[in-house]
Amino acid sequence: MHVNNEIGVVQDIATIGEMCRARGIIYHVDATQSVGKLPIDLSQLKWT
């Protein structure tokens, strides 16, 4: 979960994604609560 709408936590999805990538772990992000509220630049995230 990128943003928790109940307690306000915003996860560092770029850092978590890099940690997972380094270990060969598939990483999925639920960004439903952050769309339109926080900037998400897909060109900056290594999502492929």
N, C-alpha and C. Protein backbone atom coordinates (compact mmCIF):
# COMPACT_ATOMS: atom_id res chain seq x y z
N MET A 1 0.85 -1.17 0.00
CA MET A 1 0.00 0.00 0.00
C MET A 1 0.90 1.24 0.00
N HIS A 2 0.76 2.07 -1.00
CA HIS A 2 1.58 3.28 -1.09
C HIS A 2 1.21 4.27 0.00
N VAL A 3 -0.08 4.55 0.12
CA VAL A 3 -0.57 5.50 1.14
C VAL A 3 -1.66 4.82 1.96
N ASN A 4 -1.54 4.92 3.27
CA ASN A 4 -2.57 4.38 4.14
C ASN A 4 -3.51 5.52 4.51
N ASN A 5 -4.74 5.46 4.02
CA ASN A 5 -5.69 6.54 4.26
C ASN A 5 -6.22 6.58 5.69
N GLU A 6 -5.98 5.56 6.47
CA GLU A 6 -6.47 5.55 7.85
C GLU A 6 -5.49 6.19 8.83
N ILE A 7 -4.20 5.94 8.64
CA ILE A 7 -3.22 6.48 9.58
C ILE A 7 -2.24 7.47 8.94
N GLY A 8 -2.33 7.66 7.62
CA GLY A 8 -1.54 8.68 6.94
C GLY A 8 -0.12 8.31 6.58
N VAL A 9 0.24 7.06 6.66
CA VAL A 9 1.59 6.63 6.33
C VAL A 9 1.77 6.61 4.82
N VAL A 10 2.91 7.15 4.36
CA VAL A 10 3.28 7.10 2.94
C VAL A 10 4.54 6.25 2.83
N GLN A 11 4.44 5.14 2.14
CA GLN A 11 5.58 4.23 1.98
C GLN A 11 6.52 4.74 0.89
N ASP A 12 7.80 4.52 1.07
CA ASP A 12 8.82 4.89 0.08
C ASP A 12 8.88 3.77 -0.96
N ILE A 13 7.98 3.82 -1.94
CA ILE A 13 7.86 2.71 -2.89
C ILE A 13 9.10 2.55 -3.78
N ALA A 14 9.83 3.63 -4.02
CA ALA A 14 11.04 3.52 -4.83
C ALA A 14 12.11 2.69 -4.10
N THR A 15 12.33 2.99 -2.83
CA THR A 15 13.33 2.27 -2.05
C THR A 15 12.93 0.82 -1.82
N ILE A 16 11.68 0.60 -1.48
CA ILE A 16 11.19 -0.77 -1.28
C ILE A 16 11.32 -1.56 -2.57
N GLY A 17 10.97 -0.93 -3.69
CA GLY A 17 11.08 -1.59 -4.99
C GLY A 17 12.51 -1.97 -5.33
N GLU A 18 13.46 -1.09 -5.03
CA GLU A 18 14.87 -1.40 -5.29
C GLU A 18 15.35 -2.56 -4.42
N MET A 19 14.92 -2.59 -3.17
CA MET A 19 15.30 -3.69 -2.28
C MET A 19 14.76 -5.01 -2.82
N CYS A 20 13.54 -5.00 -3.28
CA CYS A 20 12.93 -6.21 -3.83
C CYS A 20 13.62 -6.63 -5.12
N ARG A 21 13.89 -5.66 -6.00
CA ARG A 21 14.56 -5.95 -7.27
C ARG A 21 15.92 -6.62 -7.04
N ALA A 22 16.67 -6.11 -6.07
CA ALA A 22 18.00 -6.64 -5.77
C ALA A 22 17.94 -8.09 -5.31
N ARG A 23 16.79 -8.50 -4.78
CA ARG A 23 16.65 -9.86 -4.28
C ARG A 23 15.79 -10.74 -5.18
N GLY A 24 15.39 -10.21 -6.33
CA GLY A 24 14.59 -10.98 -7.27
C GLY A 24 13.16 -11.20 -6.82
N ILE A 25 12.65 -10.29 -6.00
CA ILE A 25 11.30 -10.41 -5.46
C ILE A 25 10.33 -9.56 -6.29
N ILE A 26 9.21 -10.13 -6.67
CA ILE A 26 8.17 -9.39 -7.38
C ILE A 26 7.48 -8.46 -6.39
N TYR A 27 7.29 -7.21 -6.78
CA TYR A 27 6.74 -6.19 -5.88
C TYR A 27 5.52 -5.55 -6.53
N HIS A 28 4.42 -5.55 -5.82
CA HIS A 28 3.17 -4.95 -6.30
C HIS A 28 2.78 -3.82 -5.37
N VAL A 29 2.35 -2.70 -5.94
CA VAL A 29 1.96 -1.54 -5.13
C VAL A 29 0.49 -1.21 -5.36
N ASP A 30 -0.27 -1.11 -4.29
CA ASP A 30 -1.64 -0.62 -4.35
C ASP A 30 -1.55 0.89 -4.14
N ALA A 31 -1.72 1.64 -5.22
CA ALA A 31 -1.60 3.10 -5.15
C ALA A 31 -2.95 3.79 -5.26
N THR A 32 -4.02 3.07 -4.97
CA THR A 32 -5.37 3.62 -5.11
C THR A 32 -5.56 4.90 -4.31
N GLN A 33 -5.06 4.94 -3.09
CA GLN A 33 -5.28 6.10 -2.22
C GLN A 33 -4.37 7.28 -2.56
N SER A 34 -3.32 7.04 -3.36
CA SER A 34 -2.38 8.13 -3.67
C SER A 34 -2.61 8.78 -5.03
N VAL A 35 -3.37 8.14 -5.91
CA VAL A 35 -3.61 8.69 -7.24
C VAL A 35 -4.31 10.05 -7.11
N GLY A 36 -3.72 11.05 -7.73
CA GLY A 36 -4.29 12.39 -7.69
C GLY A 36 -3.94 13.18 -6.44
N LYS A 37 -3.31 12.54 -5.47
CA LYS A 37 -2.94 13.22 -4.23
C LYS A 37 -1.44 13.43 -4.12
N LEU A 38 -0.68 12.44 -4.59
CA LEU A 38 0.78 12.52 -4.56
C LEU A 38 1.32 12.35 -5.97
N PRO A 39 2.42 13.04 -6.28
CA PRO A 39 3.01 12.85 -7.61
C PRO A 39 3.68 11.47 -7.71
N ILE A 40 3.37 10.76 -8.77
CA ILE A 40 4.01 9.47 -9.04
C ILE A 40 4.55 9.54 -10.46
N ASP A 41 5.86 9.58 -10.58
CA ASP A 41 6.50 9.66 -11.89
C ASP A 41 6.99 8.27 -12.27
N LEU A 42 6.23 7.60 -13.13
CA LEU A 42 6.58 6.23 -13.50
C LEU A 42 7.92 6.15 -14.23
N SER A 43 8.35 7.24 -14.85
CA SER A 43 9.65 7.20 -15.53
C SER A 43 10.80 7.16 -14.52
N GLN A 44 10.54 7.57 -13.29
CA GLN A 44 11.56 7.52 -12.24
C GLN A 44 11.59 6.19 -11.49
N LEU A 45 10.50 5.44 -11.60
CA LEU A 45 10.42 4.14 -10.93
C LEU A 45 10.81 3.05 -11.91
N LYS A 46 11.60 2.11 -11.47
CA LYS A 46 12.00 0.98 -12.32
C LYS A 46 10.94 -0.10 -12.18
N TRP A 47 9.87 0.03 -12.93
CA TRP A 47 8.70 -0.82 -12.76
C TRP A 47 8.63 -1.96 -13.74
N THR A 48 9.61 -2.13 -14.58
CA THR A 48 9.58 -3.26 -15.52
C THR A 48 10.57 -4.32 -15.13
